[in-house]
Amino acid sequence: MTFVEYITQPSGFGKTRWPVAIMIHLFGALSIYYTYKQSWWALLGLAPVVLLWYGTYMNYTKRWV
């Protein structure tokens, strides 16, 4: 199974269910949209999305269980 197949499973985004993954991505996008004038706050909006992708990759490589 490739990483793309792993994140596009019908059961969810890796081990995260689809509704939760969508809410995390929307929260990050809305945080960046509403705080784009204060650049460092916008970077905080990226944190949940980056952590979701990092955790999903770590689960895919079986470094975390």
PDB file of N, CA and C in Angstrom:
ATOM      1  N   MET A   1       0.858  -1.175   0.000  1.00  0.00           N
ATOM      2  CA  MET A   1       0.000   0.000   0.000  1.00  0.00           C
ATOM      3  C   MET A   1       0.904   1.239   0.000  1.00  0.00           C
ATOM      4  N   THR A   2       0.636   2.145  -0.903  1.00  0.00           N
ATOM      5  CA  THR A   2       1.392   3.390  -0.953  1.00  0.00           C
ATOM      6  C   THR A   2       0.803   4.396   0.027  1.00  0.00           C
ATOM      7  N   PHE A   3       1.541   5.493   0.250  1.00  0.00           N
ATOM      8  CA  PHE A   3       1.067   6.517   1.174  1.00  0.00           C
ATOM      9  C   PHE A   3      -0.229   7.151   0.672  1.00  0.00           C
ATOM     10  N   VAL A   4      -0.356   7.345  -0.625  1.00  0.00           N
ATOM     11  CA  VAL A   4      -1.586   7.923  -1.180  1.00  0.00           C
ATOM     12  C   VAL A   4      -2.768   6.998  -0.928  1.00  0.00           C
ATOM     13  N   GLU A   5      -2.563   5.697  -1.106  1.00  0.00           N
ATOM     14  CA  GLU A   5      -3.638   4.745  -0.807  1.00  0.00           C
ATOM     15  C   GLU A   5      -3.975   4.755   0.680  1.00  0.00           C
ATOM     16  N   TYR A   6      -2.949   4.933   1.514  1.00  0.00           N
ATOM     17  CA  TYR A   6      -3.157   4.935   2.964  1.00  0.00           C
ATOM     18  C   TYR A   6      -4.005   6.122   3.411  1.00  0.00           C
ATOM     19  N   ILE A   7      -3.760   7.304   2.828  1.00  0.00           N
ATOM     20  CA  ILE A   7      -4.510   8.482   3.275  1.00  0.00           C
ATOM     21  C   ILE A   7      -5.869   8.606   2.600  1.00  0.00           C
ATOM     22  N   THR A   8      -6.128   7.804   1.581  1.00  0.00           N
ATOM     23  CA  THR A   8      -7.422   7.894   0.895  1.00  0.00           C
ATOM     24  C   THR A   8      -8.282   6.654   1.132  1.00  0.00           C
ATOM     25  N   GLN A   9      -8.092   6.005   2.254  1.00  0.00           N
ATOM     26  CA  GLN A   9      -8.907   4.840   2.578  1.00  0.00           C
ATOM     27  C   GLN A   9     -10.359   5.249   2.785  1.00  0.00           C
ATOM     28  N   PRO A  10     -11.301   4.381   2.476  1.00  0.00           N
ATOM     29  CA  PRO A  10     -12.703   4.698   2.733  1.00  0.00           C
ATOM     30  C   PRO A  10     -12.992   4.913   4.220  1.00  0.00           C
ATOM     31  N   SER A  11     -12.215   4.269   5.089  1.00  0.00           N
ATOM     32  CA  SER A  11     -12.468   4.395   6.525  1.00  0.00           C
ATOM     33  C   SER A  11     -11.927   5.694   7.101  1.00  0.00           C
ATOM     34  N   GLY A  12     -11.059   6.382   6.377  1.00  0.00           N
ATOM     35  CA  GLY A  12     -10.551   7.648   6.888  1.00  0.00           C
ATOM     36  C   GLY A  12      -9.181   8.019   6.374  1.00  0.00           C
ATOM     37  N   PHE A  13      -8.677   9.126   6.886  1.00  0.00           N
ATOM     38  CA  PHE A  13      -7.380   9.686   6.524  1.00  0.00           C
ATOM     39  C   PHE A  13      -6.321   9.002   7.377  1.00  0.00           C
ATOM     40  N   GLY A  14      -5.795   7.876   6.908  1.00  0.00           N
ATOM     41  CA  GLY A  14      -4.906   7.075   7.736  1.00  0.00           C
ATOM     42  C   GLY A  14      -5.723   6.431   8.837  1.00  0.00           C
ATOM     43  N   LYS A  15      -5.388   6.734  10.106  1.00  0.00           N
ATOM     44  CA  LYS A  15      -6.169   6.220  11.236  1.00  0.00           C
ATOM     45  C   LYS A  15      -7.185   7.245  11.725  1.00  0.00           C
ATOM     46  N   THR A  16      -7.186   8.421  11.156  1.00  0.00           N
ATOM     47  CA  THR A  16      -8.112   9.485  11.554  1.00  0.00           C
ATOM     48  C   THR A  16      -9.362   9.402  10.684  1.00  0.00           C
ATOM     49  N   ARG A  17     -10.502   9.443  11.282  1.00  0.00           N
ATOM     50  CA  ARG A  17     -11.761   9.389  10.530  1.00  0.00           C
ATOM     51  C   ARG A  17     -11.904  10.642   9.670  1.00  0.00           C
ATOM     52  N   TRP A  18     -12.596  10.497   8.541  1.00  0.00           N
ATOM     53  CA  TRP A  18     -12.730  11.594   7.584  1.00  0.00           C
ATOM     54  C   TRP A  18     -13.336  12.868   8.175  1.00  0.00           C
ATOM     55  N   PRO A  19     -14.413  12.807   8.951  1.00  0.00           N
ATOM     56  CA  PRO A  19     -14.972  14.061   9.485  1.00  0.00           C
ATOM     57  C   PRO A  19     -13.968  14.832  10.352  1.00  0.00           C
ATOM     58  N   VAL A  20     -13.184  14.112  11.123  1.00  0.00           N
ATOM     59  CA  VAL A  20     -12.193  14.767  11.985  1.00  0.00           C
ATOM     60  C   VAL A  20     -11.077  15.374  11.141  1.00  0.00           C
ATOM     61  N   ALA A  21     -10.609  14.643  10.142  1.00  0.00           N
ATOM     62  CA  ALA A  21      -9.546  15.153   9.271  1.00  0.00           C
ATOM     63  C   ALA A  21     -10.016  16.399   8.518  1.00  0.00           C
ATOM     64  N   ILE A  22     -11.260  16.395   8.069  1.00  0.00           N
ATOM     65  CA  ILE A  22     -11.797  17.562   7.357  1.00  0.00           C
ATOM     66  C   ILE A  22     -11.909  18.754   8.295  1.00  0.00           C
ATOM     67  N   MET A  23     -12.344  18.512   9.540  1.00  0.00           N
ATOM     68  CA  MET A  23     -12.436  19.616  10.508  1.00  0.00           C
ATOM     69  C   MET A  23     -11.056  20.193  10.823  1.00  0.00           C
ATOM     70  N   ILE A  24     -10.038  19.356  10.924  1.00  0.00           N
ATOM     71  CA  ILE A  24      -8.685  19.838  11.190  1.00  0.00           C
ATOM     72  C   ILE A  24      -8.188  20.695  10.035  1.00  0.00           C
ATOM     73  N   HIS A  25      -8.417  20.243   8.805  1.00  0.00           N
ATOM     74  CA  HIS A  25      -7.995  21.025   7.642  1.00  0.00           C
ATOM     75  C   HIS A  25      -8.766  22.344   7.548  1.00  0.00           C
ATOM     76  N   LEU A  26     -10.065  22.315   7.816  1.00  0.00           N
ATOM     77  CA  LEU A  26     -10.855  23.547   7.784  1.00  0.00           C
ATOM     78  C   LEU A  26     -10.437  24.516   8.878  1.00  0.00           C
ATOM     79  N   PHE A  27     -10.164  24.014  10.069  1.00  0.00           N
ATOM     80  CA  PHE A  27      -9.691  24.866  11.155  1.00  0.00           C
ATOM     81  C   PHE A  27      -8.386  25.552  10.777  1.00  0.00           C
ATOM     82  N   GLY A  28      -7.460  24.796  10.195  1.00  0.00           N
ATOM     83  CA  GLY A  28      -6.192  25.381   9.766  1.00  0.00           C
ATOM     84  C   GLY A  28      -6.387  26.432   8.694  1.00  0.00           C
ATOM     85  N   ALA A  29      -7.237  26.132   7.709  1.00  0.00           N
ATOM     86  CA  ALA A  29      -7.473  27.087   6.626  1.00  0.00           C
ATOM     87  C   ALA A  29      -8.161  28.350   7.135  1.00  0.00           C
ATOM     88  N   LEU A  30      -9.150  28.193   7.999  1.00  0.00           N
ATOM     89  CA  LEU A  30      -9.846  29.363   8.545  1.00  0.00           C
ATOM     90  C   LEU A  30      -8.947  30.177   9.456  1.00  0.00           C
ATOM     91  N   SER A  31      -8.082  29.522  10.208  1.00  0.00           N
ATOM     92  CA  SER A  31      -7.142  30.244  11.060  1.00  0.00           C
ATOM     93  C   SER A  31      -6.197  31.098  10.221  1.00  0.00           C
ATOM     94  N   ILE A  32      -5.714  30.531   9.148  1.00  0.00           N
ATOM     95  CA  ILE A  32      -4.819  31.291   8.264  1.00  0.00           C
ATOM     96  C   ILE A  32      -5.586  32.428   7.595  1.00  0.00           C
ATOM     97  N   TYR A  33      -6.801  32.163   7.153  1.00  0.00           N
ATOM     98  CA  TYR A  33      -7.591  33.188   6.469  1.00  0.00           C
ATOM     99  C   TYR A  33      -7.883  34.393   7.375  1.00  0.00           C
ATOM    100  N   TYR A  34      -8.242  34.130   8.619  1.00  0.00           N
ATOM    101  CA  TYR A  34      -8.627  35.220   9.509  1.00  0.00           C
ATOM    102  C   TYR A  34      -7.451  35.907  10.197  1.00  0.00           C
ATOM    103  N   THR A  35      -6.272  35.327  10.147  1.00  0.00           N
ATOM    104  CA  THR A  35      -5.117  35.932  10.812  1.00  0.00           C
ATOM    105  C   THR A  35      -3.974  36.214   9.842  1.00  0.00           C
ATOM    106  N   TYR A  36      -4.271  36.352   8.546  1.00  0.00           N
ATOM    107  CA  TYR A  36      -3.201  36.520   7.570  1.00  0.00           C
ATOM    108  C   TYR A  36      -2.426  37.825   7.763  1.00  0.00           C
ATOM    109  N   LYS A  37      -3.000  38.824   8.422  1.00  0.00           N
ATOM    110  CA  LYS A  37      -2.284  40.085   8.624  1.00  0.00           C
ATOM    111  C   LYS A  37      -1.216  39.965   9.711  1.00  0.00           C
ATOM    112  N   GLN A  38      -1.423  39.090  10.671  1.00  0.00           N
ATOM    113  CA  GLN A  38      -0.410  38.822  11.690  1.00  0.00           C
ATOM    114  C   GLN A  38       0.258  37.504  11.302  1.00  0.00           C
ATOM    115  N   SER A  39       1.374  37.589  10.607  1.00  0.00           N
ATOM    116  CA  SER A  39       1.951  36.409   9.964  1.00  0.00           C
ATOM    117  C   SER A  39       2.275  35.277  10.939  1.00  0.00           C
ATOM    118  N   TRP A  40       2.723  35.569  12.145  1.00  0.00           N
ATOM    119  CA  TRP A  40       3.078  34.481  13.046  1.00  0.00           C
ATOM    120  C   TRP A  40       1.842  33.763  13.565  1.00  0.00           C
ATOM    121  N   TRP A  41       0.698  34.444  13.676  1.00  0.00           N
ATOM    122  CA  TRP A  41      -0.545  33.765  14.050  1.00  0.00           C
ATOM    123  C   TRP A  41      -1.001  32.838  12.932  1.00  0.00           C
ATOM    124  N   ALA A  42      -0.776  33.258  11.703  1.00  0.00           N
ATOM    125  CA  ALA A  42      -1.155  32.409  10.568  1.00  0.00           C
ATOM    126  C   ALA A  42      -0.344  31.118  10.578  1.00  0.00           C
ATOM    127  N   LEU A  43       0.904  31.201  10.999  1.00  0.00           N
ATOM    128  CA  LEU A  43       1.715  29.991  11.075  1.00  0.00           C
ATOM    129  C   LEU A  43       1.183  29.031  12.132  1.00  0.00           C
ATOM    130  N   LEU A  44       0.587  29.562  13.197  1.00  0.00           N
ATOM    131  CA  LEU A  44      -0.020  28.685  14.204  1.00  0.00           C
ATOM    132  C   LEU A  44      -1.213  27.920  13.628  1.00  0.00           C
ATOM    133  N   GLY A  45      -1.874  28.502  12.638  1.00  0.00           N
ATOM    134  CA  GLY A  45      -2.976  27.803  11.985  1.00  0.00           C
ATOM    135  C   GLY A  45      -2.505  26.593  11.195  1.00  0.00           C
ATOM    136  N   LEU A  46      -1.239  26.596  10.792  1.00  0.00           N
ATOM    137  CA  LEU A  46      -0.691  25.457  10.064  1.00  0.00           C
ATOM    138  C   LEU A  46      -0.355  24.281  10.986  1.00  0.00           C
ATOM    139  N   ALA A  47      -0.150  24.553  12.258  1.00  0.00           N
ATOM    140  CA  ALA A  47       0.305  23.518  13.194  1.00  0.00           C
ATOM    141  C   ALA A  47      -0.596  22.282  13.222  1.00  0.00           C
ATOM    142  N   PRO A  48      -1.929  22.413  13.364  1.00  0.00           N
ATOM    143  CA  PRO A  48      -2.741  21.193  13.419  1.00  0.00           C
ATOM    144  C   PRO A  48      -2.691  20.381  12.122  1.00  0.00           C
ATOM    145  N   VAL A  49      -2.625  21.061  11.000  1.00  0.00           N
ATOM    146  CA  VAL A  49      -2.589  20.357   9.713  1.00  0.00           C
ATOM    147  C   VAL A  49      -1.255  19.635   9.547  1.00  0.00           C
ATOM    148  N   VAL A  50      -0.170  20.320   9.870  1.00  0.00           N
ATOM    149  CA  VAL A  50       1.152  19.704   9.764  1.00  0.00           C
ATOM    150  C   VAL A  50       1.262  18.512  10.714  1.00  0.00           C
ATOM    151  N   LEU A  51       0.753  18.655  11.929  1.00  0.00           N
ATOM    152  CA  LEU A  51       0.803  17.551  12.880  1.00  0.00           C
ATOM    153  C   LEU A  51      -0.049  16.368  12.424  1.00  0.00           C
ATOM    154  N   LEU A  52      -1.189  16.633  11.789  1.00  0.00           N
ATOM    155  CA  LEU A  52      -2.018  15.554  11.254  1.00  0.00           C
ATOM    156  C   LEU A  52      -1.258  14.781  10.180  1.00  0.00           C
ATOM    157  N   TRP A  53      -0.641  15.503   9.242  1.00  0.00           N
ATOM    158  CA  TRP A  53       0.105  14.847   8.168  1.00  0.00           C
ATOM    159  C   TRP A  53       1.326  14.105   8.705  1.00  0.00           C
ATOM    160  N   TYR A  54       2.022  14.715   9.663  1.00  0.00           N
ATOM    161  CA  TYR A  54       3.202  14.071  10.250  1.00  0.00           C
ATOM    162  C   TYR A  54       2.801  12.789  10.981  1.00  0.00           C
ATOM    163  N   GLY A  55       1.758  12.850  11.785  1.00  0.00           N
ATOM    164  CA  GLY A  55       1.298  11.673  12.501  1.00  0.00           C
ATOM    165  C   GLY A  55       0.818  10.584  11.562  1.00  0.00           C
ATOM    166  N   THR A  56       0.156  10.972  10.487  1.00  0.00           N
ATOM    167  CA  THR A  56      -0.312   9.994   9.509  1.00  0.00           C
ATOM    168  C   THR A  56       0.868   9.314   8.832  1.00  0.00           C
ATOM    169  N   TYR A  57       1.892  10.084   8.497  1.00  0.00           N
ATOM    170  CA  TYR A  57       3.078   9.492   7.877  1.00  0.00           C
ATOM    171  C   TYR A  57       3.795   8.555   8.854  1.00  0.00           C
ATOM    172  N   MET A  58       3.881   8.966  10.121  1.00  0.00           N
ATOM    173  CA  MET A  58       4.528   8.110  11.116  1.00  0.00           C
ATOM    174  C   MET A  58       3.751   6.806  11.304  1.00  0.00           C
ATOM    175  N   ASN A  59       2.429   6.860  11.267  1.00  0.00           N
ATOM    176  CA  ASN A  59       1.621   5.636  11.346  1.00  0.00           C
ATOM    177  C   ASN A  59       1.812   4.783  10.099  1.00  0.00           C
ATOM    178  N   TYR A  60       1.923   5.419   8.942  1.00  0.00           N
ATOM    179  CA  TYR A  60       2.115   4.688   7.685  1.00  0.00           C
ATOM    180  C   TYR A  60       3.435   3.934   7.689  1.00  0.00           C
ATOM    181  N   THR A  61       4.483   4.570   8.205  1.00  0.00           N
ATOM    182  CA  THR A  61       5.804   3.915   8.228  1.00  0.00           C
ATOM    183  C   THR A  61       5.956   2.984   9.422  1.00  0.00           C
ATOM    184  N   LYS A  62       4.935   2.869  10.256  1.00  0.00           N
ATOM    185  CA  LYS A  62       4.900   2.002  11.433  1.00  0.00           C
ATOM    186  C   LYS A  62       5.942   2.392  12.480  1.00  0.00           C
ATOM    187  N   ARG A  63       6.318   3.660  12.503  1.00  0.00           N
ATOM    188  CA  ARG A  63       7.211   4.138  13.559  1.00  0.00           C
ATOM    189  C   ARG A  63       6.403   4.396  14.820  1.00  0.00           C
ATOM    190  N   TRP A  64       5.122   4.717  14.641  1.00  0.00           N
ATOM    191  CA  TRP A  64       4.164   4.828  15.742  1.00  0.00           C
ATOM    192  C   TRP A  64       3.117   3.773  15.485  1.00  0.00           C
ATOM    193  N   VAL A  65       2.439   3.378  16.495  1.00  0.00           N
ATOM    194  CA  VAL A  65       1.371   2.385  16.300  1.00  0.00           C
ATOM    195  C   VAL A  65       0.061   2.979  16.713  1.00  0.00           C
TER     196      VAL A  65
END
